Amino acid sequence: MIIAIPSRGPRGLEDDINEHFGRSYYYTFVSLEENQIKGVEVKEVPFSEHRPGQIPEWIKQNGAECVICWGMGRRAQEWFEKLGIHVIMGCSGKIKDIVEDYIKGSLEKGEWECGKCEE
């Protein structure tokens, strides 16, 4: 399984999650096998501006089956759902800690609400 996490920079597991999902310049892709980290690759987003669905499509092309982030808008959530990618929101902190907590099943999620979305 590959997890994609928006990151503040190119430092992989040592970086913090970027809380601005759609504005992240880097994503850390973490490969898991048998509840262990088997690989980490940081990729720079290949476009400076994006159209709706472009980031989810790019993440799918990079093999991710799950996205862990602080938050994202409803439209992005719908794109990921359409692509069969599971989204976990409300996460913050160091990427290494987030992944380790995910593996242990103890990932803590905060309450996130999109300030732009109307309910």
N, C-alpha and C. Protein backbone atom coordinates (compact mmCIF):
# COMPACT_ATOMS: atom_id res chain seq x y z
N MET A 1 0.85 -1.18 0.00
CA MET A 1 0.00 0.00 0.00
C MET A 1 0.89 1.24 0.00
N ILE A 2 0.45 2.23 -0.75
CA ILE A 2 1.17 3.51 -0.79
C ILE A 2 0.26 4.59 -0.23
N ILE A 3 0.81 5.37 0.70
CA ILE A 3 0.10 6.50 1.30
C ILE A 3 0.75 7.78 0.79
N ALA A 4 -0.06 8.76 0.40
CA ALA A 4 0.43 10.07 -0.02
C ALA A 4 0.10 11.09 1.06
N ILE A 5 1.10 11.89 1.42
CA ILE A 5 0.92 12.90 2.47
C ILE A 5 1.51 14.23 1.96
N PRO A 6 0.72 15.31 1.94
CA PRO A 6 1.28 16.60 1.55
C PRO A 6 2.31 17.03 2.59
N SER A 7 3.50 17.42 2.12
CA SER A 7 4.56 17.77 3.07
C SER A 7 5.06 19.19 2.84
N ARG A 8 5.57 19.77 3.92
CA ARG A 8 6.03 21.16 3.85
C ARG A 8 7.30 21.32 3.04
N GLY A 9 8.06 20.27 2.88
CA GLY A 9 9.31 20.34 2.13
C GLY A 9 9.70 18.97 1.63
N PRO A 10 10.95 18.84 1.17
CA PRO A 10 11.40 17.59 0.56
C PRO A 10 12.09 16.62 1.51
N ARG A 11 11.87 16.74 2.83
CA ARG A 11 12.61 15.92 3.79
C ARG A 11 11.94 14.59 4.15
N GLY A 12 10.89 14.24 3.45
CA GLY A 12 10.26 12.94 3.67
C GLY A 12 9.68 12.76 5.05
N LEU A 13 10.04 11.66 5.70
CA LEU A 13 9.49 11.33 7.02
C LEU A 13 9.82 12.38 8.07
N GLU A 14 10.90 13.12 7.88
CA GLU A 14 11.31 14.11 8.87
C GLU A 14 10.59 15.45 8.72
N ASP A 15 9.80 15.57 7.67
CA ASP A 15 9.07 16.81 7.44
C ASP A 15 7.74 16.80 8.17
N ASP A 16 7.12 17.96 8.26
CA ASP A 16 5.77 18.07 8.82
C ASP A 16 4.76 18.02 7.69
N ILE A 17 3.57 17.60 8.02
CA ILE A 17 2.48 17.60 7.06
C ILE A 17 2.17 19.04 6.68
N ASN A 18 1.89 19.28 5.42
CA ASN A 18 1.49 20.60 4.97
C ASN A 18 -0.03 20.68 5.13
N GLU A 19 -0.48 21.63 5.92
CA GLU A 19 -1.90 21.72 6.21
C GLU A 19 -2.71 22.29 5.06
N HIS A 20 -2.04 22.81 4.04
CA HIS A 20 -2.73 23.35 2.86
C HIS A 20 -2.60 22.32 1.74
N PHE A 21 -3.47 21.33 1.75
CA PHE A 21 -3.42 20.20 0.84
C PHE A 21 -3.21 20.61 -0.62
N GLY A 22 -4.06 21.46 -1.14
CA GLY A 22 -4.00 21.84 -2.55
C GLY A 22 -2.89 22.80 -2.89
N ARG A 23 -2.20 23.31 -1.89
CA ARG A 23 -1.11 24.25 -2.13
C ARG A 23 0.25 23.66 -1.80
N SER A 24 0.28 22.40 -1.53
CA SER A 24 1.54 21.75 -1.19
C SER A 24 2.39 21.57 -2.45
N TYR A 25 3.67 21.89 -2.34
CA TYR A 25 4.59 21.71 -3.46
C TYR A 25 5.22 20.32 -3.46
N TYR A 26 5.13 19.64 -2.31
CA TYR A 26 5.73 18.31 -2.17
C TYR A 26 4.72 17.34 -1.57
N TYR A 27 4.84 16.09 -1.98
CA TYR A 27 4.08 15.00 -1.38
C TYR A 27 5.05 13.89 -1.04
N THR A 28 4.89 13.35 0.15
CA THR A 28 5.70 12.21 0.57
C THR A 28 4.86 10.96 0.34
N PHE A 29 5.39 10.05 -0.46
CA PHE A 29 4.73 8.78 -0.76
C PHE A 29 5.42 7.70 0.06
N VAL A 30 4.66 7.05 0.93
CA VAL A 30 5.21 6.04 1.83
C VAL A 30 4.64 4.68 1.45
N SER A 31 5.53 3.73 1.15
CA SER A 31 5.12 2.37 0.82
C SER A 31 5.13 1.53 2.09
N LEU A 32 4.03 0.83 2.33
CA LEU A 32 3.91 -0.05 3.49
C LEU A 32 3.73 -1.48 3.03
N GLU A 33 4.41 -2.40 3.72
CA GLU A 33 4.21 -3.84 3.52
C GLU A 33 4.27 -4.50 4.89
N GLU A 34 3.28 -5.31 5.17
CA GLU A 34 3.23 -6.05 6.43
C GLU A 34 3.47 -5.13 7.64
N ASN A 35 2.76 -3.99 7.63
CA ASN A 35 2.83 -3.02 8.72
C ASN A 35 4.24 -2.48 8.97
N GLN A 36 5.02 -2.35 7.91
CA GLN A 36 6.35 -1.75 8.01
C GLN A 36 6.55 -0.79 6.84
N ILE A 37 7.33 0.25 7.10
CA ILE A 37 7.69 1.18 6.03
C ILE A 37 8.74 0.51 5.16
N LYS A 38 8.43 0.36 3.89
CA LYS A 38 9.35 -0.29 2.95
C LYS A 38 9.99 0.69 1.99
N GLY A 39 9.43 1.89 1.89
CA GLY A 39 10.01 2.88 0.99
C GLY A 39 9.39 4.24 1.21
N VAL A 40 10.18 5.26 0.94
CA VAL A 40 9.72 6.64 1.05
C VAL A 40 10.25 7.40 -0.16
N GLU A 41 9.36 8.10 -0.82
CA GLU A 41 9.76 8.91 -1.97
C GLU A 41 9.04 10.25 -1.89
N VAL A 42 9.81 11.33 -1.99
CA VAL A 42 9.23 12.66 -2.01
C VAL A 42 9.18 13.12 -3.46
N LYS A 43 8.01 13.58 -3.85
CA LYS A 43 7.84 14.05 -5.23
C LYS A 43 7.34 15.49 -5.21
N GLU A 44 7.94 16.28 -6.08
CA GLU A 44 7.50 17.66 -6.23
C GLU A 44 6.30 17.68 -7.18
N VAL A 45 5.28 18.44 -6.82
CA VAL A 45 4.10 18.56 -7.66
C VAL A 45 4.55 19.15 -9.00
N PRO A 46 4.20 18.52 -10.13
CA PRO A 46 4.73 18.94 -11.42
C PRO A 46 4.03 20.14 -12.06
N PHE A 47 3.13 20.78 -11.35
CA PHE A 47 2.44 21.95 -11.90
C PHE A 47 2.28 23.00 -10.81
N SER A 48 2.41 24.27 -11.18
CA SER A 48 2.33 25.33 -10.17
C SER A 48 0.89 25.69 -9.86
N GLU A 49 0.03 25.63 -10.86
CA GLU A 49 -1.40 25.83 -10.65
C GLU A 49 -2.10 24.59 -11.18
N HIS A 50 -3.24 24.27 -10.61
CA HIS A 50 -3.90 23.03 -11.02
C HIS A 50 -5.39 23.25 -11.21
N ARG A 51 -5.94 22.42 -12.07
CA ARG A 51 -7.38 22.42 -12.30
C ARG A 51 -8.01 21.42 -11.33
N PRO A 52 -9.32 21.49 -11.11
CA PRO A 52 -9.96 20.52 -10.22
C PRO A 52 -9.67 19.08 -10.66
N GLY A 53 -9.29 18.26 -9.71
CA GLY A 53 -9.03 16.85 -9.97
C GLY A 53 -7.62 16.53 -10.39
N GLN A 54 -6.82 17.54 -10.71
CA GLN A 54 -5.47 17.27 -11.21
C GLN A 54 -4.57 16.67 -10.13
N ILE A 55 -4.63 17.17 -8.92
CA ILE A 55 -3.81 16.61 -7.84
C ILE A 55 -4.26 15.18 -7.52
N PRO A 56 -5.57 14.92 -7.34
CA PRO A 56 -5.96 13.53 -7.12
C PRO A 56 -5.52 12.58 -8.25
N GLU A 57 -5.63 13.03 -9.48
CA GLU A 57 -5.22 12.18 -10.61
C GLU A 57 -3.71 11.92 -10.56
N TRP A 58 -2.93 12.94 -10.24
CA TRP A 58 -1.47 12.80 -10.13
C TRP A 58 -1.11 11.83 -9.00
N ILE A 59 -1.80 11.96 -7.88
CA ILE A 59 -1.55 11.06 -6.75
C ILE A 59 -1.90 9.62 -7.13
N LYS A 60 -2.99 9.43 -7.84
CA LYS A 60 -3.38 8.09 -8.31
C LYS A 60 -2.32 7.54 -9.27
N GLN A 61 -1.81 8.36 -10.18
CA GLN A 61 -0.77 7.93 -11.12
C GLN A 61 0.49 7.49 -10.40
N ASN A 62 0.70 8.02 -9.20
CA ASN A 62 1.87 7.65 -8.41
C ASN A 62 1.59 6.47 -7.49
N GLY A 63 0.47 5.80 -7.68
CA GLY A 63 0.19 4.54 -7.00
C GLY A 63 -0.44 4.61 -5.63
N ALA A 64 -0.79 5.80 -5.15
CA ALA A 64 -1.33 5.90 -3.80
C ALA A 64 -2.74 5.33 -3.71
N GLU A 65 -2.99 4.65 -2.60
CA GLU A 65 -4.32 4.11 -2.31
C GLU A 65 -4.97 4.85 -1.15
N CYS A 66 -4.19 5.71 -0.49
CA CYS A 66 -4.67 6.43 0.68
C CYS A 66 -3.98 7.79 0.72
N VAL A 67 -4.71 8.81 1.16
CA VAL A 67 -4.16 10.14 1.39
C VAL A 67 -4.42 10.50 2.84
N ILE A 68 -3.38 10.94 3.52
CA ILE A 68 -3.53 11.43 4.89
C ILE A 68 -3.21 12.91 4.86
N CYS A 69 -4.11 13.73 5.41
CA CYS A 69 -3.93 15.17 5.36
C CYS A 69 -4.63 15.85 6.53
N TRP A 70 -4.44 17.16 6.63
CA TRP A 70 -5.17 17.92 7.64
C TRP A 70 -6.60 18.12 7.17
N GLY A 71 -6.76 18.58 5.93
CA GLY A 71 -8.09 18.79 5.41
C GLY A 71 -8.07 19.07 3.92
N MET A 72 -9.24 18.99 3.32
CA MET A 72 -9.38 19.30 1.89
C MET A 72 -10.85 19.61 1.64
N GLY A 73 -11.08 20.29 0.56
CA GLY A 73 -12.44 20.67 0.20
C GLY A 73 -13.26 19.49 -0.28
N ARG A 74 -14.54 19.70 -0.31
CA ARG A 74 -15.48 18.65 -0.70
C ARG A 74 -15.22 18.15 -2.12
N ARG A 75 -14.88 19.06 -3.03
CA ARG A 75 -14.65 18.65 -4.42
C ARG A 75 -13.47 17.69 -4.52
N ALA A 76 -12.38 17.99 -3.83
CA ALA A 76 -11.22 17.08 -3.83
C ALA A 76 -11.59 15.74 -3.22
N GLN A 77 -12.35 15.76 -2.14
CA GLN A 77 -12.78 14.51 -1.52
C GLN A 77 -13.57 13.65 -2.51
N GLU A 78 -14.44 14.29 -3.27
CA GLU A 78 -15.23 13.56 -4.26
C GLU A 78 -14.35 12.97 -5.36
N TRP A 79 -13.31 13.71 -5.79
CA TRP A 79 -12.38 13.18 -6.79
C TRP A 79 -11.68 11.93 -6.28
N PHE A 80 -11.18 12.01 -5.05
CA PHE A 80 -10.49 10.85 -4.48
C PHE A 80 -11.43 9.66 -4.37
N GLU A 81 -12.66 9.91 -3.94
CA GLU A 81 -13.63 8.83 -3.82
C GLU A 81 -13.87 8.19 -5.19
N LYS A 82 -14.02 9.02 -6.22
CA LYS A 82 -14.24 8.52 -7.58
C LYS A 82 -13.05 7.68 -8.05
N LEU A 83 -11.85 8.03 -7.63
CA LEU A 83 -10.63 7.31 -8.03
C LEU A 83 -10.34 6.10 -7.13
N GLY A 84 -11.16 5.89 -6.10
CA GLY A 84 -10.96 4.75 -5.20
C GLY A 84 -9.84 4.94 -4.20
N ILE A 85 -9.53 6.19 -3.89
CA ILE A 85 -8.46 6.49 -2.92
C ILE A 85 -9.10 6.91 -1.60
N HIS A 86 -8.71 6.23 -0.54
CA HIS A 86 -9.23 6.51 0.81
C HIS A 86 -8.59 7.79 1.34
N VAL A 87 -9.38 8.65 1.97
CA VAL A 87 -8.88 9.92 2.52
C VAL A 87 -9.06 9.90 4.03
N ILE A 88 -7.99 10.24 4.73
CA ILE A 88 -8.03 10.40 6.19
C ILE A 88 -7.66 11.85 6.47
N MET A 89 -8.58 12.59 7.10
CA MET A 89 -8.35 14.01 7.38
C MET A 89 -8.23 14.27 8.88
N GLY A 90 -7.74 15.45 9.19
CA GLY A 90 -7.64 15.88 10.57
C GLY A 90 -6.30 15.56 11.21
N CYS A 91 -5.29 15.25 10.39
CA CYS A 91 -3.98 14.85 10.92
C CYS A 91 -2.97 15.99 10.81
N SER A 92 -2.12 16.11 11.81
CA SER A 92 -1.07 17.13 11.78
C SER A 92 0.17 16.58 12.47
N GLY A 93 1.29 17.27 12.26
CA GLY A 93 2.53 16.87 12.90
C GLY A 93 3.55 16.33 11.93
N LYS A 94 4.53 15.62 12.48
CA LYS A 94 5.62 15.05 11.69
C LYS A 94 5.12 13.82 10.93
N ILE A 95 5.50 13.74 9.67
CA ILE A 95 5.04 12.65 8.81
C ILE A 95 5.42 11.29 9.38
N LYS A 96 6.62 11.16 9.90
CA LYS A 96 7.05 9.88 10.47
C LYS A 96 6.10 9.43 11.58
N ASP A 97 5.74 10.36 12.46
CA ASP A 97 4.84 10.03 13.57
C ASP A 97 3.44 9.66 13.06
N ILE A 98 2.97 10.38 12.05
CA ILE A 98 1.66 10.10 11.48
C ILE A 98 1.63 8.69 10.90
N VAL A 99 2.66 8.33 10.13
CA VAL A 99 2.71 7.00 9.50
C VAL A 99 2.82 5.91 10.56
N GLU A 100 3.66 6.12 11.56
CA GLU A 100 3.79 5.12 12.62
C GLU A 100 2.47 4.93 13.37
N ASP A 101 1.77 6.02 13.64
CA ASP A 101 0.46 5.91 14.29
C ASP A 101 -0.55 5.21 13.39
N TYR A 102 -0.49 5.46 12.10
CA TYR A 102 -1.37 4.78 11.15
C TYR A 102 -1.12 3.27 11.21
N ILE A 103 0.14 2.89 11.19
CA ILE A 103 0.50 1.47 11.23
C ILE A 103 -0.01 0.82 12.52
N LYS A 104 0.12 1.51 13.63
CA LYS A 104 -0.32 0.98 14.93
C LYS A 104 -1.83 1.02 15.12
N GLY A 105 -2.51 1.75 14.22
CA GLY A 105 -3.96 1.89 14.37
C GLY A 105 -4.35 2.92 15.41
N SER A 106 -3.43 3.82 15.73
CA SER A 106 -3.70 4.81 16.77
C SER A 106 -3.60 6.24 16.24
N LEU A 107 -3.88 6.42 14.97
CA LEU A 107 -3.79 7.74 14.35
C LEU A 107 -4.83 8.67 14.96
N GLU A 108 -4.36 9.76 15.53
CA GLU A 108 -5.27 10.73 16.14
C GLU A 108 -5.65 11.76 15.10
N LYS A 109 -6.95 12.03 15.01
CA LYS A 109 -7.44 12.98 14.04
C LYS A 109 -8.15 14.10 14.77
N GLY A 110 -7.83 15.32 14.38
CA GLY A 110 -8.51 16.48 14.93
C GLY A 110 -9.78 16.76 14.16
N GLU A 111 -10.54 17.69 14.64
CA GLU A 111 -11.76 18.10 13.95
C GLU A 111 -11.39 19.13 12.91
N TRP A 112 -11.69 18.83 11.67
CA TRP A 112 -11.41 19.75 10.58
C TRP A 112 -12.70 20.07 9.86
N GLU A 113 -12.88 21.35 9.57
CA GLU A 113 -14.02 21.77 8.77
C GLU A 113 -13.50 22.73 7.71
N CYS A 114 -14.00 22.57 6.52
CA CYS A 114 -13.62 23.45 5.41
C CYS A 114 -14.33 24.78 5.62
N GLY A 115 -13.58 25.83 5.80
CA GLY A 115 -14.17 27.14 5.98
C GLY A 115 -14.88 27.68 4.76
N LYS A 116 -14.63 27.07 3.60
CA LYS A 116 -15.24 27.53 2.36
C LYS A 116 -16.50 26.76 2.00
N CYS A 117 -16.69 25.60 2.61
CA CYS A 117 -17.81 24.73 2.24
C CYS A 117 -19.08 25.16 2.98
N GLU A 118 -20.16 25.11 2.25
CA GLU A 118 -21.46 25.36 2.88
C GLU A 118 -22.11 24.04 3.19
N GLU A 119 -22.59 23.87 4.37
CA GLU A 119 -23.25 22.61 4.75
C GLU A 119 -24.72 22.69 4.43
